[in-house]
Amino acid sequence: MSQRVLGAVLAGGQSRRFGGDKALAELGGRTLLDRAVATLTRQCAGVVVAGRTTAPAAVVADRPAAGMGPLGGLNGALHHGAERGFDAVLSIPVDGFDLPSDLIGELSPAPAYALDAPVIGLWPVSTRGALDAMLAEDTRHSLRAFAERIGARGVRLSRVPVNINTPADLAKAKDHVDGL
């Protein structure tokens, strides 16, 4: 039986190093947010965007509160997915567009995350309780710490993800957009 996977674009960051709203930065005539949603739409049964109020897909609020970084967005997506009958959440960052075409396959079985970019992961919705508990604690709140807590496997993807943190990174990424 195949699993029903919800795609989640984690887009609630403050883009401090980028100097503006990274999600709306354009690459090849499309925003990074549009590209990330399109990437997940090709692979998942549904797609949400966490950490924004408007998006080209359904939006979910960070949980338990805004401003908690990628874990807050992932937690919102895990709860949203569980409430709608999904088995797992495939998370990618807002600048995640040049990813393997079978990302779910490369990360299966869940839980697993990309070693080069832990925000990319396949997370069973059953892990939402563990994430709720972690976010309530005064402890290190990072995706790697969450992955360790739930025993997720680190995976080397067949393609190293593009990481756009600065305008210079965006300029370099233009080399990757041909045909995407």
N, C-alpha and C. Protein backbone atom coordinates (compact mmCIF):
# COMPACT_ATOMS: atom_id res chain seq x y z
N MET A 1 0.85 -1.18 0.00
CA MET A 1 0.00 0.00 0.00
C MET A 1 0.90 1.24 0.00
N SER A 2 0.64 2.15 -0.92
CA SER A 2 1.47 3.36 -0.95
C SER A 2 0.95 4.37 0.06
N GLN A 3 1.87 5.18 0.51
CA GLN A 3 1.50 6.18 1.50
C GLN A 3 0.98 7.45 0.82
N ARG A 4 0.09 8.12 1.49
CA ARG A 4 -0.46 9.39 1.01
C ARG A 4 0.39 10.50 1.63
N VAL A 5 1.06 11.28 0.76
CA VAL A 5 2.03 12.27 1.23
C VAL A 5 1.55 13.68 0.94
N LEU A 6 1.62 14.52 1.96
CA LEU A 6 1.34 15.94 1.85
C LEU A 6 2.66 16.68 1.68
N GLY A 7 2.76 17.49 0.65
CA GLY A 7 3.95 18.31 0.46
C GLY A 7 3.82 19.60 1.25
N ALA A 8 4.89 20.04 1.88
CA ALA A 8 4.88 21.28 2.67
C ALA A 8 6.08 22.13 2.31
N VAL A 9 5.80 23.32 1.80
CA VAL A 9 6.84 24.31 1.55
C VAL A 9 7.00 25.10 2.85
N LEU A 10 8.18 25.08 3.43
CA LEU A 10 8.43 25.82 4.67
C LEU A 10 8.93 27.21 4.27
N ALA A 11 8.04 28.19 4.42
CA ALA A 11 8.29 29.52 3.86
C ALA A 11 8.14 30.64 4.89
N GLY A 12 8.33 30.33 6.15
CA GLY A 12 8.11 31.33 7.18
C GLY A 12 9.36 32.03 7.67
N GLY A 13 10.48 31.80 7.02
CA GLY A 13 11.73 32.43 7.47
C GLY A 13 11.72 33.93 7.29
N GLN A 14 12.64 34.59 7.96
CA GLN A 14 12.71 36.05 7.90
C GLN A 14 13.64 36.56 6.81
N SER A 15 14.35 35.66 6.15
CA SER A 15 15.23 36.01 5.02
C SER A 15 16.20 37.13 5.35
N ARG A 16 16.75 37.11 6.56
CA ARG A 16 17.68 38.17 7.00
C ARG A 16 18.87 38.31 6.07
N ARG A 17 19.51 37.18 5.73
CA ARG A 17 20.69 37.23 4.87
C ARG A 17 20.33 37.62 3.44
N PHE A 18 19.10 37.32 3.03
CA PHE A 18 18.68 37.62 1.67
C PHE A 18 18.37 39.11 1.50
N GLY A 19 17.90 39.75 2.58
CA GLY A 19 17.63 41.18 2.54
C GLY A 19 16.24 41.55 2.03
N GLY A 20 15.37 40.59 1.90
CA GLY A 20 14.00 40.83 1.43
C GLY A 20 13.24 39.53 1.51
N ASP A 21 12.04 39.51 0.97
CA ASP A 21 11.20 38.33 1.02
C ASP A 21 11.69 37.32 -0.03
N LYS A 22 12.48 36.37 0.42
CA LYS A 22 13.07 35.38 -0.49
C LYS A 22 12.01 34.63 -1.26
N ALA A 23 10.89 34.32 -0.65
CA ALA A 23 9.84 33.55 -1.31
C ALA A 23 9.36 34.21 -2.59
N LEU A 24 9.40 35.55 -2.63
CA LEU A 24 8.89 36.28 -3.80
C LEU A 24 9.99 36.67 -4.78
N ALA A 25 11.24 36.28 -4.48
CA ALA A 25 12.33 36.55 -5.41
C ALA A 25 12.10 35.74 -6.68
N GLU A 26 12.42 36.33 -7.81
CA GLU A 26 12.18 35.66 -9.08
C GLU A 26 13.43 34.99 -9.63
N LEU A 27 13.19 33.85 -10.22
CA LEU A 27 14.24 33.07 -10.86
C LEU A 27 13.64 32.52 -12.14
N GLY A 28 14.16 32.93 -13.27
CA GLY A 28 13.62 32.46 -14.53
C GLY A 28 12.18 32.86 -14.75
N GLY A 29 11.79 34.04 -14.25
CA GLY A 29 10.44 34.54 -14.46
C GLY A 29 9.39 33.98 -13.52
N ARG A 30 9.78 33.16 -12.54
CA ARG A 30 8.84 32.61 -11.56
C ARG A 30 9.41 32.82 -10.16
N THR A 31 8.53 33.01 -9.19
CA THR A 31 9.01 33.19 -7.83
C THR A 31 9.53 31.87 -7.28
N LEU A 32 10.42 31.97 -6.29
CA LEU A 32 10.91 30.77 -5.63
C LEU A 32 9.75 30.00 -5.00
N LEU A 33 8.78 30.71 -4.45
CA LEU A 33 7.61 30.06 -3.85
C LEU A 33 6.84 29.27 -4.91
N ASP A 34 6.59 29.87 -6.07
CA ASP A 34 5.89 29.16 -7.15
C ASP A 34 6.65 27.91 -7.56
N ARG A 35 7.98 28.02 -7.67
CA ARG A 35 8.80 26.88 -8.07
C ARG A 35 8.73 25.75 -7.03
N ALA A 36 8.79 26.11 -5.74
CA ALA A 36 8.74 25.09 -4.68
C ALA A 36 7.38 24.38 -4.68
N VAL A 37 6.30 25.14 -4.83
CA VAL A 37 4.97 24.54 -4.87
C VAL A 37 4.87 23.60 -6.07
N ALA A 38 5.38 24.01 -7.22
CA ALA A 38 5.34 23.17 -8.42
C ALA A 38 6.12 21.88 -8.21
N THR A 39 7.28 21.97 -7.55
CA THR A 39 8.08 20.78 -7.27
C THR A 39 7.29 19.76 -6.47
N LEU A 40 6.59 20.22 -5.44
CA LEU A 40 5.82 19.30 -4.60
C LEU A 40 4.55 18.82 -5.28
N THR A 41 3.94 19.66 -6.08
CA THR A 41 2.71 19.27 -6.78
C THR A 41 2.94 18.06 -7.67
N ARG A 42 4.13 17.97 -8.26
CA ARG A 42 4.46 16.83 -9.12
C ARG A 42 4.64 15.54 -8.34
N GLN A 43 4.87 15.63 -7.03
CA GLN A 43 5.22 14.43 -6.27
C GLN A 43 4.23 14.04 -5.16
N CYS A 44 3.36 14.96 -4.77
CA CYS A 44 2.53 14.74 -3.58
C CYS A 44 1.03 14.78 -3.89
N ALA A 45 0.25 14.17 -3.02
CA ALA A 45 -1.21 14.15 -3.17
C ALA A 45 -1.85 15.49 -2.83
N GLY A 46 -1.15 16.34 -2.11
CA GLY A 46 -1.62 17.68 -1.75
C GLY A 46 -0.43 18.52 -1.36
N VAL A 47 -0.59 19.84 -1.40
CA VAL A 47 0.51 20.75 -1.07
C VAL A 47 0.00 21.88 -0.20
N VAL A 48 0.78 22.23 0.82
CA VAL A 48 0.51 23.39 1.66
C VAL A 48 1.78 24.24 1.75
N VAL A 49 1.57 25.49 2.11
CA VAL A 49 2.68 26.40 2.37
C VAL A 49 2.56 26.83 3.82
N ALA A 50 3.63 26.62 4.58
CA ALA A 50 3.63 26.97 6.00
C ALA A 50 4.35 28.29 6.21
N GLY A 51 3.79 29.12 7.09
CA GLY A 51 4.47 30.34 7.50
C GLY A 51 4.13 31.56 6.68
N ARG A 52 3.11 31.50 5.83
CA ARG A 52 2.69 32.66 5.04
C ARG A 52 1.18 32.78 5.15
N THR A 53 0.67 33.95 4.85
CA THR A 53 -0.79 34.14 4.88
C THR A 53 -1.41 33.97 3.50
N THR A 54 -0.62 34.18 2.45
CA THR A 54 -1.11 33.94 1.10
C THR A 54 -0.04 33.18 0.33
N ALA A 55 -0.50 32.30 -0.56
CA ALA A 55 0.43 31.48 -1.33
C ALA A 55 -0.33 30.86 -2.50
N PRO A 56 0.40 30.29 -3.45
CA PRO A 56 -0.24 29.62 -4.58
C PRO A 56 -0.73 28.20 -4.23
N ALA A 57 -0.90 27.93 -2.95
CA ALA A 57 -1.43 26.65 -2.45
C ALA A 57 -2.07 26.97 -1.10
N ALA A 58 -2.73 25.99 -0.51
CA ALA A 58 -3.33 26.19 0.81
C ALA A 58 -2.24 26.59 1.80
N VAL A 59 -2.59 27.43 2.76
CA VAL A 59 -1.61 27.85 3.76
C VAL A 59 -1.95 27.21 5.11
N VAL A 60 -0.90 26.92 5.89
CA VAL A 60 -1.08 26.44 7.25
C VAL A 60 -0.23 27.32 8.16
N ALA A 61 -0.75 27.54 9.34
CA ALA A 61 -0.05 28.37 10.32
C ALA A 61 1.04 27.56 11.00
N ASP A 62 2.12 28.24 11.36
CA ASP A 62 3.14 27.61 12.19
C ASP A 62 2.48 27.19 13.50
N ARG A 63 2.98 26.14 14.08
CA ARG A 63 2.39 25.62 15.31
C ARG A 63 3.51 25.30 16.29
N PRO A 64 3.44 25.72 17.52
CA PRO A 64 2.29 26.31 18.19
C PRO A 64 2.15 27.82 18.00
N ALA A 65 3.14 28.48 17.42
CA ALA A 65 3.06 29.93 17.24
C ALA A 65 3.93 30.33 16.06
N ALA A 66 3.65 31.49 15.53
CA ALA A 66 4.47 32.02 14.43
C ALA A 66 5.87 32.34 14.94
N GLY A 67 6.82 32.38 14.02
CA GLY A 67 8.18 32.77 14.37
C GLY A 67 9.03 31.68 14.97
N MET A 68 8.60 30.42 14.85
CA MET A 68 9.36 29.32 15.43
C MET A 68 10.30 28.67 14.43
N GLY A 69 10.42 29.25 13.25
CA GLY A 69 11.32 28.71 12.26
C GLY A 69 10.74 27.49 11.57
N PRO A 70 11.58 26.72 10.89
CA PRO A 70 11.11 25.58 10.12
C PRO A 70 10.34 24.55 10.95
N LEU A 71 10.70 24.36 12.21
CA LEU A 71 9.99 23.38 13.03
C LEU A 71 8.54 23.78 13.27
N GLY A 72 8.28 25.06 13.43
CA GLY A 72 6.90 25.52 13.59
C GLY A 72 6.08 25.25 12.34
N GLY A 73 6.68 25.49 11.17
CA GLY A 73 6.01 25.21 9.91
C GLY A 73 5.78 23.72 9.71
N LEU A 74 6.80 22.92 10.00
CA LEU A 74 6.65 21.48 9.87
C LEU A 74 5.58 20.97 10.81
N ASN A 75 5.54 21.48 12.04
CA ASN A 75 4.54 21.03 13.00
C ASN A 75 3.13 21.38 12.51
N GLY A 76 2.96 22.57 11.97
CA GLY A 76 1.66 22.94 11.41
C GLY A 76 1.26 22.00 10.29
N ALA A 77 2.21 21.65 9.43
CA ALA A 77 1.93 20.75 8.31
C ALA A 77 1.62 19.33 8.79
N LEU A 78 2.35 18.85 9.81
CA LEU A 78 2.09 17.51 10.34
C LEU A 78 0.68 17.40 10.90
N HIS A 79 0.26 18.41 11.65
CA HIS A 79 -1.09 18.40 12.22
C HIS A 79 -2.14 18.52 11.11
N HIS A 80 -1.91 19.39 10.15
CA HIS A 80 -2.82 19.56 9.02
C HIS A 80 -2.95 18.24 8.27
N GLY A 81 -1.82 17.59 8.00
CA GLY A 81 -1.83 16.33 7.29
C GLY A 81 -2.57 15.23 8.04
N ALA A 82 -2.33 15.14 9.33
CA ALA A 82 -2.99 14.11 10.14
C ALA A 82 -4.50 14.32 10.13
N GLU A 83 -4.93 15.57 10.23
CA GLU A 83 -6.37 15.87 10.25
C GLU A 83 -7.04 15.54 8.91
N ARG A 84 -6.26 15.43 7.84
CA ARG A 84 -6.82 15.20 6.51
C ARG A 84 -6.46 13.83 5.94
N GLY A 85 -5.99 12.94 6.78
CA GLY A 85 -5.78 11.57 6.37
C GLY A 85 -4.49 11.27 5.61
N PHE A 86 -3.51 12.18 5.69
CA PHE A 86 -2.22 11.91 5.07
C PHE A 86 -1.39 11.05 6.00
N ASP A 87 -0.47 10.29 5.42
CA ASP A 87 0.40 9.42 6.21
C ASP A 87 1.71 10.11 6.59
N ALA A 88 2.18 11.00 5.71
CA ALA A 88 3.48 11.63 5.92
C ALA A 88 3.47 13.02 5.28
N VAL A 89 4.47 13.81 5.67
CA VAL A 89 4.70 15.14 5.11
C VAL A 89 6.09 15.16 4.49
N LEU A 90 6.16 15.61 3.24
CA LEU A 90 7.43 15.84 2.56
C LEU A 90 7.69 17.34 2.65
N SER A 91 8.71 17.73 3.40
CA SER A 91 9.01 19.15 3.59
C SER A 91 10.18 19.57 2.72
N ILE A 92 10.06 20.79 2.18
CA ILE A 92 11.17 21.40 1.44
C ILE A 92 11.19 22.89 1.82
N PRO A 93 12.34 23.54 1.64
CA PRO A 93 12.41 24.98 1.90
C PRO A 93 11.82 25.75 0.71
N VAL A 94 11.54 27.02 0.93
CA VAL A 94 10.96 27.84 -0.12
C VAL A 94 11.89 27.95 -1.32
N ASP A 95 13.18 27.77 -1.13
CA ASP A 95 14.10 27.80 -2.27
C ASP A 95 14.38 26.40 -2.83
N GLY A 96 13.54 25.44 -2.47
CA GLY A 96 13.71 24.07 -2.94
C GLY A 96 13.02 23.85 -4.27
N PHE A 97 13.76 23.94 -5.35
CA PHE A 97 13.15 23.77 -6.66
C PHE A 97 13.90 22.78 -7.54
N ASP A 98 15.18 22.65 -7.40
CA ASP A 98 15.98 21.78 -8.25
C ASP A 98 16.29 20.50 -7.49
N LEU A 99 15.22 19.75 -7.19
CA LEU A 99 15.33 18.56 -6.35
C LEU A 99 15.11 17.30 -7.18
N PRO A 100 15.52 16.14 -6.68
CA PRO A 100 15.29 14.89 -7.41
C PRO A 100 13.81 14.71 -7.75
N SER A 101 13.54 14.14 -8.91
CA SER A 101 12.15 13.96 -9.35
C SER A 101 11.42 12.90 -8.55
N ASP A 102 12.15 12.03 -7.84
CA ASP A 102 11.54 11.04 -6.97
C ASP A 102 12.04 11.25 -5.54
N LEU A 103 11.81 12.44 -5.04
CA LEU A 103 12.28 12.78 -3.69
C LEU A 103 11.67 11.85 -2.64
N ILE A 104 10.40 11.53 -2.80
CA ILE A 104 9.74 10.63 -1.84
C ILE A 104 10.45 9.27 -1.85
N GLY A 105 10.74 8.76 -3.03
CA GLY A 105 11.42 7.47 -3.13
C GLY A 105 12.81 7.51 -2.51
N GLU A 106 13.53 8.60 -2.73
CA GLU A 106 14.88 8.69 -2.18
C GLU A 106 14.86 8.78 -0.65
N LEU A 107 13.80 9.35 -0.10
CA LEU A 107 13.72 9.51 1.35
C LEU A 107 12.97 8.37 2.05
N SER A 108 12.33 7.51 1.28
CA SER A 108 11.56 6.41 1.88
C SER A 108 12.51 5.31 2.35
N PRO A 109 12.16 4.64 3.45
CA PRO A 109 10.98 4.85 4.27
C PRO A 109 11.19 6.01 5.26
N ALA A 110 10.08 6.62 5.62
CA ALA A 110 10.09 7.70 6.60
C ALA A 110 10.26 7.11 8.00
N PRO A 111 10.84 7.87 8.91
CA PRO A 111 11.32 9.25 8.79
C PRO A 111 12.75 9.31 8.24
N ALA A 112 12.95 10.32 7.39
CA ALA A 112 14.27 10.53 6.81
C ALA A 112 14.40 11.99 6.42
N TYR A 113 15.66 12.45 6.33
CA TYR A 113 15.92 13.84 5.95
C TYR A 113 17.19 13.88 5.10
N ALA A 114 17.33 14.96 4.34
CA ALA A 114 18.51 15.13 3.49
C ALA A 114 19.68 15.61 4.34
N LEU A 115 20.79 14.90 4.29
CA LEU A 115 21.96 15.28 5.07
C LEU A 115 22.47 16.67 4.71
N ASP A 116 22.40 17.04 3.43
CA ASP A 116 22.89 18.36 2.99
C ASP A 116 21.92 19.50 3.29
N ALA A 117 20.67 19.16 3.60
CA ALA A 117 19.64 20.18 3.86
C ALA A 117 18.53 19.56 4.69
N PRO A 118 18.67 19.55 6.03
CA PRO A 118 17.70 18.83 6.87
C PRO A 118 16.27 19.35 6.79
N VAL A 119 16.05 20.52 6.20
CA VAL A 119 14.69 21.01 6.03
C VAL A 119 13.95 20.16 4.99
N ILE A 120 14.70 19.42 4.20
CA ILE A 120 14.11 18.48 3.24
C ILE A 120 13.97 17.15 3.96
N GLY A 121 12.73 16.72 4.14
CA GLY A 121 12.54 15.47 4.87
C GLY A 121 11.19 14.85 4.61
N LEU A 122 11.10 13.58 4.94
CA LEU A 122 9.85 12.83 4.86
C LEU A 122 9.52 12.40 6.28
N TRP A 123 8.45 12.96 6.82
CA TRP A 123 8.12 12.85 8.23
C TRP A 123 6.75 12.20 8.41
N PRO A 124 6.65 11.07 9.10
CA PRO A 124 5.33 10.50 9.37
C PRO A 124 4.49 11.46 10.21
N VAL A 125 3.19 11.54 9.91
CA VAL A 125 2.34 12.44 10.71
C VAL A 125 2.28 11.97 12.16
N SER A 126 2.58 10.71 12.40
CA SER A 126 2.58 10.19 13.78
C SER A 126 3.66 10.82 14.65
N THR A 127 4.61 11.55 14.04
CA THR A 127 5.68 12.18 14.82
C THR A 127 5.28 13.55 15.36
N ARG A 128 4.06 13.99 15.07
CA ARG A 128 3.65 15.35 15.50
C ARG A 128 3.64 15.48 17.02
N GLY A 129 3.32 14.43 17.75
CA GLY A 129 3.33 14.49 19.22
C GLY A 129 4.74 14.72 19.75
N ALA A 130 5.71 14.05 19.14
CA ALA A 130 7.11 14.24 19.54
C ALA A 130 7.56 15.67 19.25
N LEU A 131 7.09 16.22 18.14
CA LEU A 131 7.47 17.59 17.80
C LEU A 131 6.76 18.59 18.72
N ASP A 132 5.49 18.34 19.04
CA ASP A 132 4.79 19.18 20.03
C ASP A 132 5.59 19.23 21.33
N ALA A 133 6.01 18.06 21.80
CA ALA A 133 6.75 17.98 23.06
C ALA A 133 8.07 18.73 22.96
N MET A 134 8.78 18.55 21.87
CA MET A 134 10.07 19.22 21.71
C MET A 134 9.91 20.73 21.70
N LEU A 135 8.89 21.22 21.01
CA LEU A 135 8.70 22.67 20.92
C LEU A 135 8.24 23.28 22.24
N ALA A 136 7.72 22.46 23.13
CA ALA A 136 7.31 22.94 24.46
C ALA A 136 8.48 22.96 25.44
N GLU A 137 9.59 22.32 25.07
CA GLU A 137 10.75 22.24 25.96
C GLU A 137 11.72 23.39 25.72
N ASP A 138 12.51 23.67 26.75
CA ASP A 138 13.58 24.65 26.61
C ASP A 138 14.82 23.87 26.18
N THR A 139 14.85 23.54 24.90
CA THR A 139 15.92 22.73 24.34
C THR A 139 16.26 23.27 22.95
N ARG A 140 17.23 22.66 22.30
CA ARG A 140 17.63 23.07 20.97
C ARG A 140 16.51 22.76 19.98
N HIS A 141 16.02 23.78 19.30
CA HIS A 141 14.94 23.61 18.32
C HIS A 141 15.53 23.67 16.92
N SER A 142 15.90 22.51 16.39
CA SER A 142 16.41 22.44 15.03
C SER A 142 15.88 21.18 14.38
N LEU A 143 15.87 21.18 13.06
CA LEU A 143 15.41 19.99 12.35
C LEU A 143 16.32 18.79 12.62
N ARG A 144 17.61 19.03 12.73
CA ARG A 144 18.51 17.90 13.05
C ARG A 144 18.21 17.33 14.43
N ALA A 145 17.94 18.20 15.39
CA ALA A 145 17.61 17.72 16.74
C ALA A 145 16.31 16.92 16.73
N PHE A 146 15.32 17.39 15.96
CA PHE A 146 14.06 16.65 15.84
C PHE A 146 14.31 15.29 15.17
N ALA A 147 15.10 15.30 14.11
CA ALA A 147 15.41 14.06 13.40
C ALA A 147 16.07 13.06 14.33
N GLU A 148 17.02 13.52 15.13
CA GLU A 148 17.69 12.64 16.09
C GLU A 148 16.70 12.09 17.10
N ARG A 149 15.80 12.95 17.57
CA ARG A 149 14.83 12.55 18.59
C ARG A 149 13.94 11.42 18.11
N ILE A 150 13.54 11.47 16.84
CA ILE A 150 12.60 10.46 16.33
C ILE A 150 13.31 9.32 15.59
N GLY A 151 14.64 9.35 15.54
CA GLY A 151 15.39 8.29 14.89
C GLY A 151 15.33 8.32 13.37
N ALA A 152 15.21 9.52 12.80
CA ALA A 152 15.17 9.66 11.34
C ALA A 152 16.54 9.35 10.75
N ARG A 153 16.53 8.80 9.55
CA ARG A 153 17.76 8.49 8.83
C ARG A 153 18.20 9.70 8.03
N GLY A 154 19.49 9.95 8.00
CA GLY A 154 20.06 10.96 7.13
C GLY A 154 20.35 10.34 5.77
N VAL A 155 19.95 11.00 4.69
CA VAL A 155 20.07 10.45 3.34
C VAL A 155 20.85 11.43 2.46
N ARG A 156 21.78 10.90 1.67
CA ARG A 156 22.45 11.71 0.65
C ARG A 156 21.58 11.64 -0.60
N LEU A 157 21.04 12.77 -0.99
CA LEU A 157 20.19 12.80 -2.18
C LEU A 157 21.03 12.64 -3.45
N SER A 158 20.41 12.19 -4.51
CA SER A 158 21.10 12.01 -5.78
C SER A 158 21.52 13.34 -6.39
N ARG A 159 20.91 14.42 -5.96
CA ARG A 159 21.26 15.76 -6.42
C ARG A 159 21.38 16.66 -5.19
N VAL A 160 22.48 17.38 -5.07
CA VAL A 160 22.67 18.28 -3.93
C VAL A 160 21.72 19.47 -4.11
N PRO A 161 20.91 19.76 -3.09
CA PRO A 161 19.95 20.85 -3.22
C PRO A 161 20.62 22.21 -3.37
N VAL A 162 20.01 23.06 -4.19
CA VAL A 162 20.45 24.45 -4.31
C VAL A 162 20.03 25.16 -3.04
N ASN A 163 20.89 26.01 -2.51
CA ASN A 163 20.58 26.75 -1.29
C ASN A 163 20.73 28.24 -1.60
N ILE A 164 19.64 28.98 -1.49
CA ILE A 164 19.65 30.41 -1.80
C ILE A 164 19.44 31.19 -0.51
N ASN A 165 20.50 31.78 -0.01
CA ASN A 165 20.42 32.59 1.20
C ASN A 165 20.71 34.06 0.96
N THR A 166 21.36 34.37 -0.15
CA THR A 166 21.75 35.75 -0.44
C THR A 166 21.41 36.07 -1.90
N PRO A 167 21.38 37.35 -2.25
CA PRO A 167 21.18 37.70 -3.67
C PRO A 167 22.26 37.09 -4.57
N ALA A 168 23.48 36.95 -4.07
CA ALA A 168 24.54 36.32 -4.87
C ALA A 168 24.21 34.85 -5.13
N ASP A 169 23.63 34.16 -4.14
CA ASP A 169 23.21 32.77 -4.34
C ASP A 169 22.13 32.68 -5.41
N LEU A 170 21.22 33.65 -5.41
CA LEU A 170 20.16 33.68 -6.41
C LEU A 170 20.76 33.85 -7.80
N ALA A 171 21.73 34.73 -7.92
CA ALA A 171 22.39 34.94 -9.22
C ALA A 171 23.06 33.66 -9.70
N LYS A 172 23.70 32.92 -8.79
CA LYS A 172 24.34 31.64 -9.15
C LYS A 172 23.31 30.59 -9.55
N ALA A 173 22.15 30.62 -8.90
CA ALA A 173 21.09 29.63 -9.17
C ALA A 173 20.53 29.75 -10.57
N LYS A 174 20.73 30.91 -11.19
CA LYS A 174 20.22 31.09 -12.55
C LYS A 174 20.83 30.07 -13.51
N ASP A 175 22.01 29.53 -13.17
CA ASP A 175 22.64 28.49 -13.99
C ASP A 175 21.84 27.19 -13.94
N HIS A 176 21.02 26.99 -12.89
CA HIS A 176 20.28 25.76 -12.70
C HIS A 176 18.88 25.78 -13.28
N VAL A 177 18.41 26.93 -13.74
CA VAL A 177 17.00 27.02 -14.12
C VAL A 177 16.70 26.60 -15.54
N ASP A 178 17.68 26.42 -16.37
CA ASP A 178 17.40 26.00 -17.74
C ASP A 178 16.61 24.70 -17.72
N GLY A 179 15.43 24.74 -18.28
CA GLY A 179 14.59 23.55 -18.36
C GLY A 179 13.79 23.26 -17.12
N LEU A 180 13.90 24.06 -16.10
CA LEU A 180 13.12 23.80 -14.89
C LEU A 180 11.87 24.64 -14.85
